């Protein structure tokens, strides 16, 4: 990698955060495309309706912990084309659905034909009470990349629109402080980190939009003890992983340092354990059902297969869930089952 201290300018070189912002969210950015994220990669939302049903059950727990307010909000951060919001509304029991207010938060335009009950916003609504749910949102909050040079100095990585990189100036100020605390580059020249400070700030702002309730972030993640030495920055296009090129042709993503985002009273656990606590199980139905009710057996077997995909180790089950209570005690019935499954 060459050294190049000249950042900015169309085409680069510029920091990965600026380049990603333009590539994903600019006028011709990846997330402005009509097919939406679902046209390029499959999330838990798209894998099975069991996921939305589990989120709906979590919203019901929040509603109970809040003592059934007159209005209970469901805020879907990074809503894509509203798939999760729509499915959660459909999965709610009638009593909760009648009081539910759904918000889809997305920078792209509102898709045609979306359920009219869904309010489409570019930022989370302020002062609501309920559940804020961010499924694979934080990994698309753009971040800068740092790399240790031959002297061990953390330098900002610059990138051109064609994906070629160069080392820029030293990382300084709040970004340097974040690296020192959460991802120190002390393993030798060439090690890299994604500077997660913008994600910490984005998550704190999202949590602050809640007056009372629960905020949940779900993402591929790592913690202080398991940071990858060369980072996780990558791209996705048409269902395949590809080189991250900030020209608008692909998604650009990186795993999230969720431990840095976590506030007081937060819990971190795997998706496998979170969904298990919310009633999603990959256990096979009893064989006796096959003879008693063959159609029911086939349906149950299909659900078990979908649940197994959502909770599979090495796959979707390895997603991490960050649960942040706001104005409700973490020891309420809402979190008891989940907290009991918290990772050691």
Protein backbone atom coordinates (compact mmCIF):
# COMPACT_ATOMS: atom_id res chain seq x y z
CA UNK A 1 0.00 0.00 0.00
CA UNK A 2 1.35 3.42 -0.94
CA UNK A 3 1.41 6.54 1.22
CA UNK A 4 -0.85 9.38 0.05
CA UNK A 5 -1.74 12.28 2.33
CA UNK A 6 -4.06 14.00 -0.15
CA UNK A 7 -7.64 13.16 0.80
CA UNK A 8 -10.91 14.41 -0.66
CA UNK A 9 -12.01 15.11 -4.19
CA UNK A 10 -14.32 13.18 -6.47
CA UNK A 11 -12.86 9.81 -7.28
CA UNK A 12 -10.58 9.88 -4.26
CA UNK A 13 -8.42 9.26 -2.51
CA UNK A 14 -10.57 9.87 0.56
CA UNK A 15 -11.35 8.09 3.80
CA UNK A 16 -13.49 4.97 3.70
CA UNK A 17 -16.23 6.67 5.73
CA UNK A 18 -16.71 9.46 3.18
CA UNK A 19 -16.36 7.09 0.23
CA UNK A 20 -18.88 4.61 1.67
CA UNK A 21 -21.37 7.35 2.48
CA UNK A 22 -21.39 8.44 -1.16
CA UNK A 23 -21.38 4.89 -2.55
CA UNK A 24 -24.31 3.69 -0.42
CA UNK A 25 -26.45 6.76 0.12
CA UNK A 26 -25.54 9.26 -2.61
CA UNK A 27 -28.02 10.12 -5.39
CA UNK A 28 -26.99 7.03 -7.37
CA UNK A 29 -25.96 5.00 -4.34
CA UNK A 30 -26.40 1.28 -3.81
CA UNK A 31 -29.29 1.71 -1.35
CA UNK A 32 -31.19 3.96 -3.74
CA UNK A 33 -31.64 1.09 -6.20
CA UNK A 34 -35.25 0.00 -6.75
CA UNK A 35 -34.60 -3.66 -5.86
CA UNK A 36 -33.46 -2.70 -2.36
CA UNK A 37 -31.13 -4.73 -0.14
CA UNK A 38 -33.16 -7.92 -0.63
CA UNK A 39 -32.07 -7.94 -4.26
CA UNK A 40 -28.47 -8.53 -3.21
CA UNK A 41 -28.32 -10.37 0.10
CA UNK A 42 -30.53 -12.43 2.39
CA UNK A 43 -30.98 -11.39 6.00
CA UNK A 44 -32.83 -13.12 8.83
CA UNK A 45 -35.89 -11.09 7.85
CA UNK A 46 -35.93 -12.72 4.42
CA UNK A 47 -34.97 -16.20 5.66
CA UNK A 48 -38.20 -16.98 7.48
CA UNK A 49 -41.41 -15.40 8.82
CA UNK A 50 -40.40 -16.95 12.15
CA UNK A 51 -38.00 -14.04 12.62
CA UNK A 52 -40.71 -11.37 12.38
CA UNK A 53 -42.94 -13.47 14.64
CA UNK A 54 -40.16 -13.54 17.26
CA UNK A 55 -39.73 -9.76 17.00
CA UNK A 56 -43.51 -9.39 17.40
CA UNK A 57 -43.33 -11.48 20.57
CA UNK A 58 -40.54 -9.25 21.84
CA UNK A 59 -42.72 -6.19 21.14
CA UNK A 60 -45.48 -7.84 23.17
CA UNK A 61 -43.05 -8.30 26.05
CA UNK A 62 -42.08 -4.65 25.81
CA UNK A 63 -45.76 -3.70 25.81
CA UNK A 64 -46.30 -5.76 28.96
CA UNK A 65 -43.25 -4.28 30.69
CA UNK A 66 -44.58 -0.80 29.87
CA UNK A 67 -47.96 -1.73 31.38
CA UNK A 68 -49.80 -1.63 28.05
CA UNK A 69 -49.57 2.06 27.08
CA UNK A 70 -52.23 3.73 24.97
CA UNK A 71 -49.79 3.56 22.03
CA UNK A 72 -46.82 1.24 21.67
CA UNK A 73 -44.26 1.99 18.97
CA UNK A 74 -42.33 -0.36 16.74
CA UNK A 75 -39.39 1.47 15.15
CA UNK A 76 -37.60 -0.48 12.40
CA UNK A 77 -34.14 1.06 11.86
CA UNK A 78 -32.65 0.49 8.41
CA UNK A 79 -36.01 -0.78 7.21
CA UNK A 80 -35.00 -1.68 3.66
CA UNK A 81 -38.30 -1.80 1.84
CA UNK A 82 -40.38 -2.29 4.98
CA UNK A 83 -40.36 -6.09 4.97
CA UNK A 84 -39.82 -6.53 8.73
CA UNK A 85 -42.21 -3.73 9.71
CA UNK A 86 -45.00 -5.20 7.60
CA UNK A 87 -44.44 -8.74 8.88
CA UNK A 88 -44.31 -7.67 12.54
CA UNK A 89 -47.63 -5.85 12.20
CA UNK A 90 -49.16 -8.97 10.66
CA UNK A 91 -47.83 -11.19 13.47
CA UNK A 92 -49.09 -9.10 16.40
CA UNK A 93 -52.10 -10.28 18.39
CA UNK A 94 -55.18 -8.12 17.84
CA UNK A 95 -54.99 -6.36 21.20
CA UNK A 96 -51.45 -5.13 20.65
CA UNK A 97 -51.93 -4.47 16.93
CA UNK A 98 -54.78 -2.08 17.72
CA UNK A 99 -52.41 0.08 19.79
CA UNK A 100 -49.25 -0.37 17.72
CA UNK A 101 -47.69 2.52 15.81
CA UNK A 102 -45.15 1.38 13.22
CA UNK A 103 -42.26 3.50 11.97
CA UNK A 104 -39.89 2.43 9.18
CA UNK A 105 -36.64 4.41 9.27
CA UNK A 106 -34.79 4.41 5.96
CA UNK A 107 -32.92 6.93 3.82
CA UNK A 108 -34.33 5.57 0.57
CA UNK A 109 -37.76 6.66 -0.65
CA UNK A 110 -40.93 5.01 0.63
CA UNK A 111 -41.71 1.96 -1.54
CA UNK A 112 -44.96 1.83 -3.46
CA UNK A 113 -47.70 -0.29 -1.94
CA UNK A 114 -46.38 -0.23 1.62
CA UNK A 115 -48.97 -0.79 4.36
CA UNK A 116 -50.50 2.66 5.03
CA UNK A 117 -50.21 2.03 8.78
CA UNK A 118 -46.42 2.37 8.44
CA UNK A 119 -44.94 5.85 8.90
CA UNK A 120 -41.84 6.23 6.69
CA UNK A 121 -39.10 8.45 8.14
CA UNK A 122 -35.44 9.30 7.41
CA UNK A 123 -34.60 9.32 11.15
CA UNK A 124 -36.14 7.71 14.24
CA UNK A 125 -39.11 9.54 15.78
CA UNK A 126 -38.38 11.31 19.06
CA UNK A 127 -40.04 10.55 22.35
CA UNK A 128 -41.82 7.29 21.48
CA UNK A 129 -42.50 4.41 23.84
CA UNK A 130 -41.96 0.84 22.69
CA UNK A 131 -39.42 -1.26 20.79
CA UNK A 132 -36.69 0.11 18.51
CA UNK A 133 -35.23 -2.72 16.43
CA UNK A 134 -32.14 -2.34 14.22
CA UNK A 135 -31.57 -5.46 12.12
CA UNK A 136 -28.27 -5.17 10.21
CA UNK A 137 -28.37 -1.38 10.40
CA UNK A 138 -25.16 -0.52 12.24
CA UNK A 139 -22.96 -2.50 9.85
CA UNK A 140 -23.99 -0.05 7.12
CA UNK A 141 -23.19 3.06 9.15
CA UNK A 142 -20.00 4.13 7.32
CA UNK A 143 -16.72 4.04 9.21
CA UNK A 144 -13.12 4.93 8.50
CA UNK A 145 -10.41 2.28 8.37
CA UNK A 146 -7.04 2.56 10.11
CA UNK A 147 -3.86 0.60 9.45
CA UNK A 148 -0.60 0.42 11.38
CA UNK A 149 2.35 1.58 9.25
CA UNK A 150 5.93 0.27 9.39
CA UNK A 151 6.56 2.32 12.56
CA UNK A 152 3.38 1.10 14.23
CA UNK A 153 1.55 4.42 13.77
CA UNK A 154 -2.19 4.11 13.13
CA UNK A 155 -2.86 5.86 9.83
CA UNK A 156 -6.14 6.49 8.07
CA UNK A 157 -6.67 4.32 4.97
CA UNK A 158 -7.70 6.30 1.88
CA UNK A 159 -9.52 4.79 -1.09
CA UNK A 160 -10.33 5.74 -4.67
CA UNK A 161 -13.62 4.96 -6.38
CA UNK A 162 -12.02 1.95 -8.06
CA UNK A 163 -11.12 0.45 -4.66
CA UNK A 164 -7.37 1.10 -4.71
CA UNK A 165 -6.04 2.18 -1.32
CA UNK A 166 -3.28 4.34 0.10
CA UNK A 167 -2.21 5.29 3.61
CA UNK A 168 -3.14 8.80 4.69
CA UNK A 169 -2.23 10.80 7.77
CA UNK A 170 -2.11 9.57 11.36
CA UNK A 171 -5.39 8.93 13.15
CA UNK A 172 -5.87 11.70 15.70
CA UNK A 173 -8.38 13.15 18.16
CA UNK A 174 -11.55 11.22 19.14
CA UNK A 175 -10.88 8.50 16.55
CA UNK A 176 -7.44 7.85 18.04
CA UNK A 177 -8.99 7.71 21.52
CA UNK A 178 -11.60 5.23 20.27
CA UNK A 179 -8.90 2.97 18.78
CA UNK A 180 -6.85 3.10 21.99
CA UNK A 181 -9.83 2.03 24.07
CA UNK A 182 -11.63 -0.41 21.80
CA UNK A 183 -9.33 -1.66 19.02
CA UNK A 184 -5.63 -0.85 19.57
CA UNK A 185 -3.38 -1.59 16.60
CA UNK A 186 -0.51 -2.99 18.62
CA UNK A 187 0.10 -6.32 16.83
CA UNK A 188 2.59 -4.96 14.29
CA UNK A 189 2.65 -3.29 10.87
CA UNK A 190 -0.25 -3.99 8.52
CA UNK A 191 -2.92 -4.72 11.12
CA UNK A 192 -6.18 -2.88 10.50
CA UNK A 193 -9.27 -1.71 12.34
CA UNK A 194 -12.59 -0.18 11.49
CA UNK A 195 -13.06 2.92 13.65
CA UNK A 196 -16.49 2.35 15.17
CA UNK A 197 -17.03 5.75 16.80
CA UNK A 198 -19.71 6.85 14.26
CA UNK A 199 -21.66 3.68 15.03
CA UNK A 200 -21.45 4.30 18.76
CA UNK A 201 -22.84 7.78 18.17
CA UNK A 202 -25.54 6.58 15.76
CA UNK A 203 -26.67 3.92 18.22
CA UNK A 204 -26.67 6.35 21.16
CA UNK A 205 -28.84 8.76 19.15
CA UNK A 206 -31.25 5.96 18.23
CA UNK A 207 -31.54 4.82 21.85
CA UNK A 208 -32.06 8.43 22.96
CA UNK A 209 -35.10 8.69 20.68
CA UNK A 210 -36.95 6.30 23.00
CA UNK A 211 -38.72 7.78 25.99
CA UNK A 212 -39.21 4.31 27.47
CA UNK A 213 -38.85 0.81 26.14
CA UNK A 214 -36.18 -1.38 24.62
CA UNK A 215 -33.65 -0.80 21.84
CA UNK A 216 -32.18 -3.85 20.06
CA UNK A 217 -29.32 -3.94 17.56
CA UNK A 218 -28.70 -7.16 15.62
CA UNK A 219 -25.52 -7.58 13.56
CA UNK A 220 -22.45 -9.62 12.84
CA UNK A 221 -20.14 -8.39 15.56
CA UNK A 222 -16.95 -8.87 17.55
CA UNK A 223 -15.76 -7.81 20.98
CA UNK A 224 -12.54 -6.54 22.53
CA UNK A 225 -11.16 -10.07 22.91
CA UNK A 226 -11.99 -11.23 19.37
CA UNK A 227 -11.19 -8.30 17.09
CA UNK A 228 -10.03 -9.60 13.67
CA UNK A 229 -6.44 -8.43 13.03
CA UNK A 230 -7.14 -7.21 9.50
CA UNK A 231 -10.68 -5.93 9.93
CA UNK A 232 -13.86 -7.12 8.26
CA UNK A 233 -14.56 -4.57 5.53
CA UNK A 234 -16.15 -6.30 2.54
CA UNK A 235 -18.71 -5.95 -0.24
CA UNK A 236 -21.80 -7.84 -1.42
CA UNK A 237 -23.44 -7.89 -4.83
CA UNK A 238 -26.18 -10.16 -6.19
CA UNK A 239 -25.90 -12.56 -3.26
CA UNK A 240 -22.13 -12.96 -3.39
CA UNK A 241 -19.32 -11.50 -1.34
CA UNK A 242 -17.06 -9.27 -3.40
CA UNK A 243 -14.27 -6.73 -3.00
CA UNK A 244 -15.50 -3.50 -1.40
CA UNK A 245 -15.41 -0.94 -4.21
CA UNK A 246 -17.01 2.42 -3.34
CA UNK A 247 -18.53 3.15 -6.75
CA UNK A 248 -22.17 2.39 -5.89
CA UNK A 249 -22.10 -1.06 -7.49
CA UNK A 250 -22.11 -3.09 -4.26
CA UNK A 251 -22.99 -3.03 -0.61
CA UNK A 252 -20.08 -2.06 1.66
CA UNK A 253 -20.22 -3.42 5.16
CA UNK A 254 -18.10 -4.26 8.19
CA UNK A 255 -18.85 -6.13 11.39
CA UNK A 256 -19.78 -4.07 14.43
CA UNK A 257 -17.92 -3.56 17.72
CA UNK A 258 -21.18 -3.93 19.65
CA UNK A 259 -19.42 -3.93 23.01
CA UNK A 260 -18.34 -0.34 22.29
CA UNK A 261 -21.96 0.61 21.51
CA UNK A 262 -23.42 -0.93 24.67
CA UNK A 263 -24.69 1.41 27.35
CA UNK A 264 -25.41 0.85 31.03
CA UNK A 265 -27.66 -2.13 31.67
CA UNK A 266 -27.23 -3.60 28.18
CA UNK A 267 -27.10 -7.33 27.45
CA UNK A 268 -25.17 -9.01 24.62
CA UNK A 269 -26.04 -12.48 23.37
CA UNK A 270 -26.04 -14.55 20.22
CA UNK A 271 -29.04 -14.70 17.91
CA UNK A 272 -29.26 -18.41 18.60
CA UNK A 273 -29.85 -17.73 22.28
CA UNK A 274 -32.03 -14.67 21.77
CA UNK A 275 -34.38 -16.45 19.36
CA UNK A 276 -34.43 -19.49 21.60
CA UNK A 277 -35.63 -17.29 24.45
CA UNK A 278 -38.30 -15.93 22.11
CA UNK A 279 -39.63 -19.37 21.23
CA UNK A 280 -37.80 -20.17 17.98
CA UNK A 281 -36.62 -23.78 18.04
CA UNK A 282 -35.14 -25.98 15.34
CA UNK A 283 -36.29 -29.17 17.01
CA UNK A 284 -37.95 -31.71 14.71
CA UNK A 285 -41.67 -32.41 15.26
CA UNK A 286 -42.53 -35.84 16.72
CA UNK A 287 -42.77 -38.60 14.13
CA UNK A 288 -46.16 -39.55 15.53
CA UNK A 289 -47.55 -36.36 14.01
CA UNK A 290 -46.69 -37.66 10.54
CA UNK A 291 -49.29 -40.39 10.84
CA UNK A 292 -51.81 -38.36 12.85
CA UNK A 293 -51.77 -35.26 10.62
CA UNK A 294 -49.35 -35.50 7.66
CA UNK A 295 -50.02 -31.92 6.49
CA UNK A 296 -49.34 -30.53 9.96
CA UNK A 297 -46.16 -32.59 10.15
CA UNK A 298 -44.89 -31.14 6.87
CA UNK A 299 -45.65 -27.60 8.06
CA UNK A 300 -43.91 -28.24 11.38
CA UNK A 301 -40.91 -29.75 9.61
CA UNK A 302 -40.66 -26.68 7.37
CA UNK A 303 -40.77 -24.38 10.41
CA UNK A 304 -38.07 -26.45 12.10
CA UNK A 305 -35.83 -26.13 9.06
CA UNK A 306 -36.32 -22.37 8.94
CA UNK A 307 -35.66 -22.10 12.67
CA UNK A 308 -32.49 -24.14 12.27
CA UNK A 309 -31.24 -21.70 9.62
CA UNK A 310 -31.99 -18.70 11.82
CA UNK A 311 -30.12 -20.20 14.76
CA UNK A 312 -27.34 -22.14 13.03
CA UNK A 313 -23.82 -21.82 14.52
CA UNK A 314 -21.45 -20.50 11.90
CA UNK A 315 -24.35 -18.74 10.16
CA UNK A 316 -27.26 -16.53 11.18
CA UNK A 317 -27.18 -17.93 14.71
CA UNK A 318 -23.85 -16.19 15.27
CA UNK A 319 -25.35 -12.73 14.89
CA UNK A 320 -25.09 -10.77 18.11
CA UNK A 321 -28.04 -9.05 19.76
CA UNK A 322 -27.48 -5.92 21.86
CA UNK A 323 -30.46 -5.22 24.11
CA UNK A 324 -30.59 -1.78 25.71
CA UNK A 325 -33.46 -1.05 28.14
CA UNK A 326 -34.62 2.57 28.41
CA UNK A 327 -36.58 3.65 31.45
CA UNK A 328 -37.48 0.10 32.41
CA UNK A 329 -35.46 -2.11 34.77
CA UNK A 330 -33.40 -4.82 33.13
CA UNK A 331 -34.78 -7.27 35.67
CA UNK A 332 -38.37 -7.00 34.44
CA UNK A 333 -40.14 -10.02 32.98
CA UNK A 334 -39.28 -8.58 29.58
CA UNK A 335 -35.60 -9.47 29.88
CA UNK A 336 -35.56 -12.34 32.35
CA UNK A 337 -35.62 -15.11 29.75
CA UNK A 338 -33.16 -13.35 27.48
CA UNK A 339 -30.74 -12.27 30.21
CA UNK A 340 -30.66 -15.85 31.50
CA UNK A 341 -29.12 -16.77 28.13
CA UNK A 342 -26.51 -14.02 28.18
CA UNK A 343 -23.06 -15.05 27.02
CA UNK A 344 -20.42 -15.57 29.70
